[in-house]
Amino acid sequence: MAYRVQETAQVHETAQVGDGSSVWELAQIREHAALGERCVVGRGAYIGTGVQIGDNVKIQNYALVYEPARLADGVFVGPAVVFTNDHNPRAVAADGSLKSAADWEPVGVDVAEGASIGARAVCVAPVRIGRWAMVAAGAVVTKDVPDYALVMGVPAKRVGWVGRTGRRLEAEANGRWRCPDTEALFEERDGTLHETEATAA
């Protein structure tokens, strides 16, 4: 199985693209980036130097994934999402001289398995987006997002929980939650959500 790269896309010779993946028009994948199998990189998307991307990841049009971001399997990155990499950005040093790559140390966004980042959301590094979490469109994430959390707003705050299908979980008694699609059961403890042993994969 091969991968597809449109003619106008730029994939550096040191980058790795997995079998079954597609890189669409005007996308750019930089040096030493690694893209897993069956991934989609949309039109105009940017994948920075050394970024690590798992299998079955969708990165939509014009998303900007700056190094050293890491995306696990099954992550969805919506259109025009931005993952930053400089916690204290400046174009110049204190003396007014232009900064170079040696003048700062990049920090990354870490996105865990199955998480989704909505259109035009901004994730301000360093942050971790938990497993199967969902970031609403237009949100600005400045703090770590727990597994299964639904966050929205500026700055993003948790407003609920979601299951693996992306649907909001339904509250039950004693801090328990149920997925309306899969019937999976979860328990909320100290602000985190855990799938119960009866339904865990």
N, C-alpha and C. Protein backbone atom coordinates (compact mmCIF):
# COMPACT_ATOMS: atom_id res chain seq x y z
N MET A 1 0.85 -1.20 0.00
CA MET A 1 0.00 0.00 0.00
C MET A 1 0.88 1.24 0.00
N ALA A 2 0.56 2.19 -0.86
CA ALA A 2 1.35 3.41 -0.97
C ALA A 2 0.59 4.57 -0.35
N TYR A 3 1.23 5.75 -0.37
CA TYR A 3 0.56 6.97 0.08
C TYR A 3 0.45 7.93 -1.09
N ARG A 4 -0.42 8.94 -0.94
CA ARG A 4 -0.65 9.90 -2.01
C ARG A 4 -0.22 11.29 -1.57
N VAL A 5 0.53 11.96 -2.43
CA VAL A 5 0.94 13.34 -2.18
C VAL A 5 0.61 14.15 -3.43
N GLN A 6 -0.23 15.17 -3.27
CA GLN A 6 -0.57 16.01 -4.42
C GLN A 6 0.66 16.80 -4.88
N GLU A 7 0.66 17.15 -6.16
CA GLU A 7 1.83 17.78 -6.77
C GLU A 7 2.24 19.08 -6.09
N THR A 8 1.29 19.85 -5.61
CA THR A 8 1.61 21.15 -5.03
C THR A 8 1.99 21.05 -3.54
N ALA A 9 1.88 19.88 -2.95
CA ALA A 9 2.28 19.69 -1.55
C ALA A 9 3.80 19.60 -1.47
N GLN A 10 4.35 19.95 -0.29
CA GLN A 10 5.78 19.86 -0.05
C GLN A 10 6.03 18.88 1.10
N VAL A 11 6.66 17.77 0.78
CA VAL A 11 7.02 16.78 1.79
C VAL A 11 8.54 16.63 1.76
N HIS A 12 9.20 17.01 2.85
CA HIS A 12 10.65 16.96 2.89
C HIS A 12 11.13 15.51 2.75
N GLU A 13 12.28 15.36 2.12
CA GLU A 13 12.79 14.01 1.84
C GLU A 13 13.09 13.22 3.11
N THR A 14 13.28 13.91 4.24
CA THR A 14 13.54 13.19 5.49
C THR A 14 12.27 12.89 6.28
N ALA A 15 11.13 13.40 5.81
CA ALA A 15 9.86 13.12 6.48
C ALA A 15 9.40 11.70 6.15
N GLN A 16 8.60 11.13 7.04
CA GLN A 16 8.05 9.80 6.83
C GLN A 16 6.54 9.91 6.70
N VAL A 17 6.00 9.27 5.68
CA VAL A 17 4.55 9.25 5.46
C VAL A 17 4.13 7.79 5.38
N GLY A 18 3.18 7.40 6.25
CA GLY A 18 2.76 6.01 6.33
C GLY A 18 1.87 5.57 5.18
N ASP A 19 1.77 4.26 5.01
CA ASP A 19 0.95 3.67 3.97
C ASP A 19 -0.50 4.11 4.11
N GLY A 20 -1.13 4.37 2.96
CA GLY A 20 -2.53 4.73 2.94
C GLY A 20 -2.82 6.17 3.30
N SER A 21 -1.81 6.97 3.56
CA SER A 21 -2.01 8.37 3.93
C SER A 21 -2.13 9.25 2.69
N SER A 22 -2.80 10.41 2.87
CA SER A 22 -2.97 11.36 1.78
C SER A 22 -2.55 12.75 2.23
N VAL A 23 -1.78 13.42 1.39
CA VAL A 23 -1.33 14.79 1.66
C VAL A 23 -1.85 15.65 0.52
N TRP A 24 -2.72 16.61 0.84
CA TRP A 24 -3.44 17.34 -0.19
C TRP A 24 -2.72 18.64 -0.59
N GLU A 25 -3.35 19.38 -1.50
CA GLU A 25 -2.72 20.53 -2.15
C GLU A 25 -2.17 21.54 -1.14
N LEU A 26 -0.97 22.03 -1.44
CA LEU A 26 -0.32 23.13 -0.73
C LEU A 26 0.03 22.79 0.73
N ALA A 27 -0.16 21.57 1.15
CA ALA A 27 0.27 21.17 2.49
C ALA A 27 1.79 21.11 2.54
N GLN A 28 2.34 21.29 3.74
CA GLN A 28 3.79 21.21 3.92
C GLN A 28 4.11 20.33 5.12
N ILE A 29 4.97 19.34 4.90
CA ILE A 29 5.45 18.47 5.97
C ILE A 29 6.95 18.64 6.05
N ARG A 30 7.42 19.11 7.19
CA ARG A 30 8.81 19.52 7.34
C ARG A 30 9.75 18.36 7.68
N GLU A 31 11.02 18.73 7.87
CA GLU A 31 12.07 17.76 8.09
C GLU A 31 11.79 16.85 9.28
N HIS A 32 12.03 15.56 9.09
CA HIS A 32 11.98 14.53 10.15
C HIS A 32 10.62 14.39 10.81
N ALA A 33 9.58 14.99 10.23
CA ALA A 33 8.24 14.72 10.73
C ALA A 33 7.86 13.29 10.38
N ALA A 34 7.02 12.68 11.19
CA ALA A 34 6.60 11.30 10.96
C ALA A 34 5.08 11.23 10.99
N LEU A 35 4.51 10.76 9.90
CA LEU A 35 3.07 10.63 9.74
C LEU A 35 2.73 9.15 9.65
N GLY A 36 1.78 8.68 10.47
CA GLY A 36 1.44 7.27 10.52
C GLY A 36 0.64 6.81 9.30
N GLU A 37 0.07 5.64 9.43
CA GLU A 37 -0.70 5.05 8.34
C GLU A 37 -2.13 5.60 8.31
N ARG A 38 -2.68 5.66 7.09
CA ARG A 38 -4.09 6.05 6.86
C ARG A 38 -4.43 7.42 7.45
N CYS A 39 -3.51 8.35 7.32
CA CYS A 39 -3.73 9.72 7.79
C CYS A 39 -4.15 10.61 6.63
N VAL A 40 -4.79 11.73 6.95
CA VAL A 40 -5.16 12.73 5.95
C VAL A 40 -4.64 14.08 6.40
N VAL A 41 -3.87 14.72 5.54
CA VAL A 41 -3.38 16.08 5.78
C VAL A 41 -4.03 16.98 4.73
N GLY A 42 -4.89 17.89 5.18
CA GLY A 42 -5.69 18.68 4.27
C GLY A 42 -4.94 19.80 3.56
N ARG A 43 -5.64 20.45 2.68
CA ARG A 43 -5.08 21.55 1.88
C ARG A 43 -4.50 22.63 2.78
N GLY A 44 -3.26 23.03 2.47
CA GLY A 44 -2.62 24.14 3.15
C GLY A 44 -2.20 23.88 4.58
N ALA A 45 -2.33 22.65 5.06
CA ALA A 45 -1.93 22.35 6.44
C ALA A 45 -0.40 22.37 6.55
N TYR A 46 0.08 22.64 7.76
CA TYR A 46 1.52 22.72 8.03
C TYR A 46 1.86 21.76 9.16
N ILE A 47 2.84 20.90 8.92
CA ILE A 47 3.33 19.95 9.92
C ILE A 47 4.80 20.29 10.17
N GLY A 48 5.12 20.72 11.37
CA GLY A 48 6.45 21.24 11.67
C GLY A 48 7.53 20.17 11.77
N THR A 49 8.76 20.64 11.88
CA THR A 49 9.93 19.77 11.95
C THR A 49 9.83 18.80 13.12
N GLY A 50 9.97 17.51 12.81
CA GLY A 50 10.01 16.49 13.86
C GLY A 50 8.69 16.17 14.52
N VAL A 51 7.58 16.75 14.07
CA VAL A 51 6.27 16.44 14.65
C VAL A 51 5.97 14.95 14.47
N GLN A 52 5.44 14.33 15.51
CA GLN A 52 5.13 12.90 15.49
C GLN A 52 3.61 12.72 15.47
N ILE A 53 3.14 11.98 14.47
CA ILE A 53 1.70 11.79 14.26
C ILE A 53 1.42 10.30 14.13
N GLY A 54 0.41 9.82 14.87
CA GLY A 54 0.07 8.40 14.86
C GLY A 54 -0.73 7.99 13.63
N ASP A 55 -1.40 6.84 13.74
CA ASP A 55 -2.21 6.30 12.65
C ASP A 55 -3.62 6.89 12.68
N ASN A 56 -4.28 6.89 11.53
CA ASN A 56 -5.69 7.27 11.41
C ASN A 56 -5.97 8.68 11.95
N VAL A 57 -5.06 9.60 11.70
CA VAL A 57 -5.20 10.99 12.14
C VAL A 57 -5.70 11.84 10.98
N LYS A 58 -6.65 12.73 11.25
CA LYS A 58 -7.14 13.66 10.24
C LYS A 58 -6.76 15.08 10.64
N ILE A 59 -6.02 15.75 9.76
CA ILE A 59 -5.63 17.14 9.98
C ILE A 59 -6.25 17.95 8.85
N GLN A 60 -7.22 18.78 9.18
CA GLN A 60 -8.02 19.45 8.18
C GLN A 60 -7.31 20.68 7.59
N ASN A 61 -7.96 21.29 6.62
CA ASN A 61 -7.37 22.37 5.84
C ASN A 61 -6.83 23.51 6.71
N TYR A 62 -5.61 23.92 6.39
CA TYR A 62 -4.96 25.10 6.97
C TYR A 62 -4.68 24.99 8.47
N ALA A 63 -4.70 23.80 9.01
CA ALA A 63 -4.27 23.62 10.40
C ALA A 63 -2.75 23.81 10.48
N LEU A 64 -2.27 24.36 11.59
CA LEU A 64 -0.85 24.62 11.80
C LEU A 64 -0.38 23.84 13.02
N VAL A 65 0.41 22.80 12.78
CA VAL A 65 0.88 21.91 13.84
C VAL A 65 2.38 22.13 14.00
N TYR A 66 2.75 23.04 14.93
CA TYR A 66 4.15 23.39 15.09
C TYR A 66 4.86 22.41 16.02
N GLU A 67 6.14 22.19 15.71
CA GLU A 67 6.98 21.31 16.52
C GLU A 67 7.18 21.88 17.92
N PRO A 68 7.32 21.02 18.92
CA PRO A 68 7.42 19.54 18.86
C PRO A 68 6.12 18.83 19.22
N ALA A 69 5.02 19.16 18.55
CA ALA A 69 3.73 18.54 18.85
C ALA A 69 3.78 17.03 18.63
N ARG A 70 2.95 16.33 19.40
CA ARG A 70 2.80 14.88 19.25
C ARG A 70 1.31 14.56 19.22
N LEU A 71 0.88 13.84 18.20
CA LEU A 71 -0.52 13.46 18.04
C LEU A 71 -0.61 11.94 18.03
N ALA A 72 -1.40 11.38 18.93
CA ALA A 72 -1.54 9.93 19.02
C ALA A 72 -2.53 9.43 17.96
N ASP A 73 -2.79 8.14 17.96
CA ASP A 73 -3.68 7.53 16.99
C ASP A 73 -5.10 8.11 17.09
N GLY A 74 -5.74 8.25 15.93
CA GLY A 74 -7.15 8.62 15.89
C GLY A 74 -7.49 10.04 16.25
N VAL A 75 -6.52 10.94 16.23
CA VAL A 75 -6.77 12.35 16.57
C VAL A 75 -7.40 13.08 15.38
N PHE A 76 -8.32 13.98 15.69
CA PHE A 76 -8.93 14.86 14.68
C PHE A 76 -8.53 16.30 14.97
N VAL A 77 -7.99 16.97 13.94
CA VAL A 77 -7.60 18.38 14.05
C VAL A 77 -8.40 19.15 13.01
N GLY A 78 -9.28 20.03 13.46
CA GLY A 78 -10.20 20.72 12.57
C GLY A 78 -9.53 21.81 11.74
N PRO A 79 -10.30 22.40 10.81
CA PRO A 79 -9.77 23.44 9.94
C PRO A 79 -9.23 24.63 10.72
N ALA A 80 -8.05 25.12 10.31
CA ALA A 80 -7.45 26.34 10.84
C ALA A 80 -7.11 26.26 12.33
N VAL A 81 -7.00 25.07 12.88
CA VAL A 81 -6.52 24.90 14.26
C VAL A 81 -5.05 25.32 14.32
N VAL A 82 -4.62 25.86 15.46
CA VAL A 82 -3.23 26.24 15.66
C VAL A 82 -2.71 25.59 16.94
N PHE A 83 -1.59 24.88 16.83
CA PHE A 83 -0.84 24.39 17.99
C PHE A 83 0.41 25.27 18.10
N THR A 84 0.49 26.07 19.15
CA THR A 84 1.65 26.96 19.29
C THR A 84 2.86 26.19 19.83
N ASN A 85 4.01 26.86 19.86
CA ASN A 85 5.21 26.18 20.40
C ASN A 85 6.15 27.13 21.14
N ASP A 86 5.70 28.34 21.45
CA ASP A 86 6.56 29.29 22.16
C ASP A 86 5.74 29.94 23.26
N HIS A 87 6.08 29.66 24.51
CA HIS A 87 5.30 30.15 25.64
C HIS A 87 5.52 31.65 25.89
N ASN A 88 6.67 32.16 25.45
CA ASN A 88 6.97 33.59 25.60
C ASN A 88 7.46 34.16 24.27
N PRO A 89 6.57 34.29 23.30
CA PRO A 89 7.02 34.66 21.95
C PRO A 89 7.51 36.10 21.85
N ARG A 90 8.64 36.24 21.20
CA ARG A 90 9.20 37.55 20.86
C ARG A 90 9.94 37.41 19.53
N ALA A 91 9.84 38.44 18.69
CA ALA A 91 10.59 38.46 17.45
C ALA A 91 12.04 38.87 17.69
N VAL A 92 12.25 39.69 18.77
CA VAL A 92 13.58 40.22 19.04
C VAL A 92 13.97 39.93 20.48
N ALA A 93 15.27 39.97 20.74
CA ALA A 93 15.80 39.84 22.10
C ALA A 93 15.66 41.17 22.83
N ALA A 94 16.02 41.18 24.12
CA ALA A 94 15.87 42.39 24.93
C ALA A 94 16.67 43.56 24.36
N ASP A 95 17.77 43.27 23.65
CA ASP A 95 18.59 44.36 23.07
C ASP A 95 18.09 44.80 21.70
N GLY A 96 16.99 44.23 21.25
CA GLY A 96 16.42 44.62 19.97
C GLY A 96 16.92 43.83 18.79
N SER A 97 17.85 42.90 19.00
CA SER A 97 18.37 42.09 17.89
C SER A 97 17.38 40.99 17.55
N LEU A 98 17.36 40.59 16.28
CA LEU A 98 16.44 39.57 15.81
C LEU A 98 16.77 38.22 16.43
N LYS A 99 15.76 37.58 16.99
CA LYS A 99 15.98 36.26 17.57
C LYS A 99 16.21 35.22 16.49
N SER A 100 17.03 34.21 16.84
CA SER A 100 17.24 33.08 15.94
C SER A 100 16.71 31.83 16.62
N ALA A 101 16.79 30.70 15.91
CA ALA A 101 16.29 29.44 16.47
C ALA A 101 17.02 29.05 17.74
N ALA A 102 18.26 29.51 17.89
CA ALA A 102 19.05 29.17 19.08
C ALA A 102 18.65 29.98 20.30
N ASP A 103 17.82 31.00 20.13
CA ASP A 103 17.47 31.89 21.24
C ASP A 103 16.24 31.47 22.03
N TRP A 104 15.62 30.35 21.67
CA TRP A 104 14.45 29.90 22.40
C TRP A 104 14.32 28.40 22.28
N GLU A 105 13.59 27.81 23.20
CA GLU A 105 13.38 26.37 23.21
C GLU A 105 11.89 26.09 23.00
N PRO A 106 11.54 25.43 21.90
CA PRO A 106 10.13 25.19 21.62
C PRO A 106 9.50 24.22 22.61
N VAL A 107 8.23 24.46 22.92
CA VAL A 107 7.43 23.56 23.76
C VAL A 107 6.24 23.11 22.93
N GLY A 108 5.74 21.90 23.22
CA GLY A 108 4.76 21.32 22.33
C GLY A 108 3.40 21.07 22.93
N VAL A 109 2.46 20.73 22.04
CA VAL A 109 1.13 20.28 22.41
C VAL A 109 1.10 18.77 22.24
N ASP A 110 0.62 18.07 23.26
CA ASP A 110 0.55 16.62 23.25
C ASP A 110 -0.93 16.22 23.21
N VAL A 111 -1.34 15.55 22.14
CA VAL A 111 -2.75 15.18 21.96
C VAL A 111 -2.86 13.67 22.04
N ALA A 112 -3.64 13.19 23.00
CA ALA A 112 -3.75 11.75 23.25
C ALA A 112 -4.78 11.10 22.33
N GLU A 113 -4.82 9.80 22.37
CA GLU A 113 -5.64 8.97 21.48
C GLU A 113 -7.09 9.44 21.39
N GLY A 114 -7.57 9.54 20.14
CA GLY A 114 -8.97 9.78 19.88
C GLY A 114 -9.50 11.17 20.14
N ALA A 115 -8.66 12.09 20.59
CA ALA A 115 -9.12 13.45 20.91
C ALA A 115 -9.47 14.22 19.64
N SER A 116 -10.37 15.21 19.79
CA SER A 116 -10.78 16.05 18.66
C SER A 116 -10.61 17.51 19.02
N ILE A 117 -10.05 18.26 18.07
CA ILE A 117 -9.85 19.70 18.25
C ILE A 117 -10.69 20.41 17.20
N GLY A 118 -11.66 21.22 17.63
CA GLY A 118 -12.59 21.86 16.72
C GLY A 118 -11.98 22.98 15.90
N ALA A 119 -12.69 23.36 14.86
CA ALA A 119 -12.21 24.37 13.91
C ALA A 119 -11.80 25.66 14.60
N ARG A 120 -10.66 26.20 14.18
CA ARG A 120 -10.11 27.47 14.64
C ARG A 120 -9.78 27.52 16.14
N ALA A 121 -9.73 26.37 16.78
CA ALA A 121 -9.27 26.35 18.16
C ALA A 121 -7.77 26.61 18.19
N VAL A 122 -7.30 27.17 19.31
CA VAL A 122 -5.87 27.42 19.53
C VAL A 122 -5.46 26.69 20.80
N CYS A 123 -4.43 25.87 20.69
CA CYS A 123 -3.87 25.17 21.85
C CYS A 123 -2.52 25.80 22.15
N VAL A 124 -2.42 26.45 23.32
CA VAL A 124 -1.23 27.21 23.68
C VAL A 124 -0.28 26.30 24.47
N ALA A 125 0.81 25.93 23.85
CA ALA A 125 1.77 25.02 24.48
C ALA A 125 2.46 25.68 25.67
N PRO A 126 2.86 24.85 26.65
CA PRO A 126 2.73 23.39 26.68
C PRO A 126 1.41 22.95 27.30
N VAL A 127 0.64 22.15 26.59
CA VAL A 127 -0.58 21.57 27.13
C VAL A 127 -0.74 20.15 26.63
N ARG A 128 -1.54 19.37 27.39
CA ARG A 128 -1.89 18.01 26.97
C ARG A 128 -3.40 17.94 26.81
N ILE A 129 -3.85 17.41 25.68
CA ILE A 129 -5.26 17.14 25.43
C ILE A 129 -5.47 15.65 25.67
N GLY A 130 -6.32 15.31 26.64
CA GLY A 130 -6.47 13.92 27.07
C GLY A 130 -7.16 13.02 26.06
N ARG A 131 -7.16 11.72 26.37
CA ARG A 131 -7.77 10.70 25.53
C ARG A 131 -9.26 10.98 25.32
N TRP A 132 -9.68 10.95 24.06
CA TRP A 132 -11.08 11.08 23.68
C TRP A 132 -11.71 12.41 24.12
N ALA A 133 -10.89 13.37 24.50
CA ALA A 133 -11.40 14.70 24.84
C ALA A 133 -11.87 15.42 23.59
N MET A 134 -12.65 16.48 23.79
CA MET A 134 -13.12 17.27 22.67
C MET A 134 -12.99 18.76 23.00
N VAL A 135 -12.30 19.48 22.11
CA VAL A 135 -12.13 20.92 22.23
C VAL A 135 -13.08 21.58 21.25
N ALA A 136 -13.95 22.43 21.74
CA ALA A 136 -14.96 23.06 20.88
C ALA A 136 -14.32 24.03 19.89
N ALA A 137 -15.02 24.26 18.81
CA ALA A 137 -14.56 25.22 17.80
C ALA A 137 -14.33 26.59 18.42
N GLY A 138 -13.21 27.21 18.08
CA GLY A 138 -12.91 28.56 18.53
C GLY A 138 -12.37 28.66 19.94
N ALA A 139 -12.22 27.54 20.64
CA ALA A 139 -11.72 27.58 22.02
C ALA A 139 -10.23 27.92 22.04
N VAL A 140 -9.79 28.47 23.17
CA VAL A 140 -8.36 28.73 23.40
C VAL A 140 -7.95 27.92 24.62
N VAL A 141 -7.16 26.88 24.39
CA VAL A 141 -6.77 25.96 25.45
C VAL A 141 -5.44 26.41 26.05
N THR A 142 -5.46 26.73 27.34
CA THR A 142 -4.24 27.18 28.03
C THR A 142 -3.84 26.25 29.16
N LYS A 143 -4.69 25.26 29.47
CA LYS A 143 -4.40 24.29 30.54
C LYS A 143 -4.70 22.89 30.03
N ASP A 144 -4.09 21.89 30.68
CA ASP A 144 -4.31 20.51 30.29
C ASP A 144 -5.80 20.17 30.32
N VAL A 145 -6.22 19.33 29.37
CA VAL A 145 -7.61 18.90 29.25
C VAL A 145 -7.69 17.44 29.68
N PRO A 146 -8.52 17.09 30.65
CA PRO A 146 -8.61 15.69 31.10
C PRO A 146 -9.18 14.76 30.02
N ASP A 147 -8.93 13.46 30.18
CA ASP A 147 -9.54 12.46 29.31
C ASP A 147 -11.06 12.64 29.30
N TYR A 148 -11.66 12.51 28.12
CA TYR A 148 -13.11 12.54 27.93
C TYR A 148 -13.76 13.91 28.20
N ALA A 149 -12.98 14.94 28.48
CA ALA A 149 -13.55 16.24 28.80
C ALA A 149 -14.01 16.97 27.54
N LEU A 150 -15.11 17.70 27.67
CA LEU A 150 -15.56 18.64 26.64
C LEU A 150 -15.24 20.03 27.15
N VAL A 151 -14.39 20.77 26.42
CA VAL A 151 -14.03 22.12 26.85
C VAL A 151 -14.39 23.11 25.76
N MET A 152 -14.74 24.32 26.20
CA MET A 152 -15.06 25.39 25.24
C MET A 152 -14.81 26.74 25.90
N GLY A 153 -14.72 27.76 25.04
CA GLY A 153 -14.59 29.12 25.55
C GLY A 153 -13.18 29.66 25.49
N VAL A 154 -13.04 30.92 25.94
CA VAL A 154 -11.75 31.63 25.96
C VAL A 154 -11.58 32.25 27.34
N PRO A 155 -10.69 31.69 28.17
CA PRO A 155 -9.96 30.44 27.95
C PRO A 155 -10.89 29.24 28.10
N ALA A 156 -10.49 28.11 27.55
CA ALA A 156 -11.35 26.93 27.55
C ALA A 156 -11.56 26.39 28.96
N LYS A 157 -12.81 26.02 29.23
CA LYS A 157 -13.16 25.40 30.50
C LYS A 157 -14.02 24.17 30.24
N ARG A 158 -13.95 23.21 31.16
CA ARG A 158 -14.74 22.00 30.98
C ARG A 158 -16.21 22.29 31.22
N VAL A 159 -17.06 21.85 30.28
CA VAL A 159 -18.51 22.05 30.39
C VAL A 159 -19.26 20.73 30.40
N GLY A 160 -18.54 19.63 30.29
CA GLY A 160 -19.18 18.32 30.29
C GLY A 160 -18.19 17.23 29.96
N TRP A 161 -18.73 16.05 29.73
CA TRP A 161 -17.92 14.88 29.36
C TRP A 161 -18.45 14.29 28.06
N VAL A 162 -17.58 13.68 27.27
CA VAL A 162 -17.99 13.02 26.03
C VAL A 162 -17.45 11.60 26.01
N GLY A 163 -18.13 10.73 25.27
CA GLY A 163 -17.67 9.37 25.08
C GLY A 163 -16.83 9.23 23.82
N ARG A 164 -16.53 8.00 23.48
CA ARG A 164 -15.67 7.75 22.32
C ARG A 164 -16.33 8.12 21.00
N THR A 165 -17.66 8.19 20.96
CA THR A 165 -18.34 8.58 19.73
C THR A 165 -18.43 10.09 19.58
N GLY A 166 -18.04 10.84 20.63
CA GLY A 166 -18.13 12.29 20.60
C GLY A 166 -19.41 12.85 21.17
N ARG A 167 -20.36 12.01 21.50
CA ARG A 167 -21.61 12.46 22.10
C ARG A 167 -21.40 12.76 23.58
N ARG A 168 -22.15 13.74 24.09
CA ARG A 168 -22.09 14.07 25.51
C ARG A 168 -22.62 12.91 26.35
N LEU A 169 -21.93 12.64 27.45
CA LEU A 169 -22.37 11.59 28.35
C LEU A 169 -23.56 12.06 29.17
N GLU A 170 -24.40 11.11 29.56
CA GLU A 170 -25.59 11.41 30.34
C GLU A 170 -25.34 11.07 31.81
N ALA A 171 -25.69 12.01 32.68
CA ALA A 171 -25.44 11.84 34.11
C ALA A 171 -26.38 10.80 34.71
N GLU A 172 -25.80 9.97 35.59
CA GLU A 172 -26.57 9.02 36.38
C GLU A 172 -26.26 9.29 37.85
N ALA A 173 -26.74 8.45 38.73
CA ALA A 173 -26.55 8.67 40.17
C ALA A 173 -25.12 8.38 40.59
N ASN A 174 -24.72 9.01 41.72
CA ASN A 174 -23.45 8.71 42.38
C ASN A 174 -22.22 8.94 41.50
N GLY A 175 -22.24 10.05 40.74
CA GLY A 175 -21.07 10.40 39.95
C GLY A 175 -20.80 9.49 38.78
N ARG A 176 -21.81 8.79 38.32
CA ARG A 176 -21.65 7.90 37.17
C ARG A 176 -22.23 8.55 35.92
N TRP A 177 -21.65 8.17 34.79
CA TRP A 177 -22.06 8.72 33.51
C TRP A 177 -22.20 7.58 32.51
N ARG A 178 -23.09 7.77 31.54
CA ARG A 178 -23.35 6.73 30.54
C ARG A 178 -23.28 7.34 29.14
N CYS A 179 -22.67 6.60 28.21
CA CYS A 179 -22.64 7.02 26.81
C CYS A 179 -23.95 6.60 26.15
N PRO A 180 -24.70 7.54 25.53
CA PRO A 180 -25.98 7.18 24.92
C PRO A 180 -25.84 6.32 23.68
N ASP A 181 -24.65 6.28 23.09
CA ASP A 181 -24.44 5.48 21.88
C ASP A 181 -23.98 4.06 22.19
N THR A 182 -22.99 3.92 23.07
CA THR A 182 -22.36 2.62 23.31
C THR A 182 -22.79 1.97 24.62
N GLU A 183 -23.48 2.75 25.47
CA GLU A 183 -23.87 2.30 26.81
C GLU A 183 -22.68 2.11 27.75
N ALA A 184 -21.51 2.57 27.35
CA ALA A 184 -20.33 2.50 28.23
C ALA A 184 -20.59 3.32 29.48
N LEU A 185 -20.10 2.83 30.60
CA LEU A 185 -20.28 3.50 31.89
C LEU A 185 -18.97 4.10 32.37
N PHE A 186 -19.07 5.27 33.01
CA PHE A 186 -17.91 6.00 33.51
C PHE A 186 -18.17 6.44 34.94
N GLU A 187 -17.09 6.64 35.68
CA GLU A 187 -17.16 7.18 37.03
C GLU A 187 -16.33 8.44 37.11
N GLU A 188 -16.88 9.48 37.73
CA GLU A 188 -16.16 10.74 37.92
C GLU A 188 -15.56 10.76 39.31
N ARG A 189 -14.24 10.98 39.37
CA ARG A 189 -13.54 11.03 40.64
C ARG A 189 -12.55 12.18 40.62
N ASP A 190 -12.72 13.13 41.54
CA ASP A 190 -11.79 14.25 41.69
C ASP A 190 -11.53 14.99 40.38
N GLY A 191 -12.59 15.24 39.63
CA GLY A 191 -12.47 16.01 38.41
C GLY A 191 -11.93 15.26 37.22
N THR A 192 -11.83 13.93 37.33
CA THR A 192 -11.40 13.11 36.20
C THR A 192 -12.44 12.03 35.95
N LEU A 193 -12.45 11.50 34.74
CA LEU A 193 -13.45 10.49 34.37
C LEU A 193 -12.74 9.19 34.02
N HIS A 194 -13.31 8.08 34.49
CA HIS A 194 -12.70 6.77 34.28
C HIS A 194 -13.76 5.79 33.80
N GLU A 195 -13.46 5.09 32.72
CA GLU A 195 -14.38 4.06 32.24
C GLU A 195 -14.37 2.90 33.23
N THR A 196 -15.56 2.40 33.56
CA THR A 196 -15.64 1.33 34.55
C THR A 196 -15.12 0.02 33.96
N GLU A 197 -14.72 -0.88 34.85
CA GLU A 197 -14.16 -2.17 34.40
C GLU A 197 -15.17 -2.95 33.58
N ALA A 198 -16.44 -2.76 33.84
CA ALA A 198 -17.46 -3.52 33.13
C ALA A 198 -17.54 -3.16 31.65
N THR A 199 -17.12 -1.93 31.31
CA THR A 199 -17.24 -1.50 29.93
C THR A 199 -15.91 -1.14 29.28
N ALA A 200 -14.82 -1.14 30.06
CA ALA A 200 -13.52 -0.74 29.50
C ALA A 200 -13.09 -1.70 28.40
N ALA A 201 -12.48 -1.13 27.35
CA ALA A 201 -12.02 -1.96 26.24
C ALA A 201 -10.77 -2.72 26.62
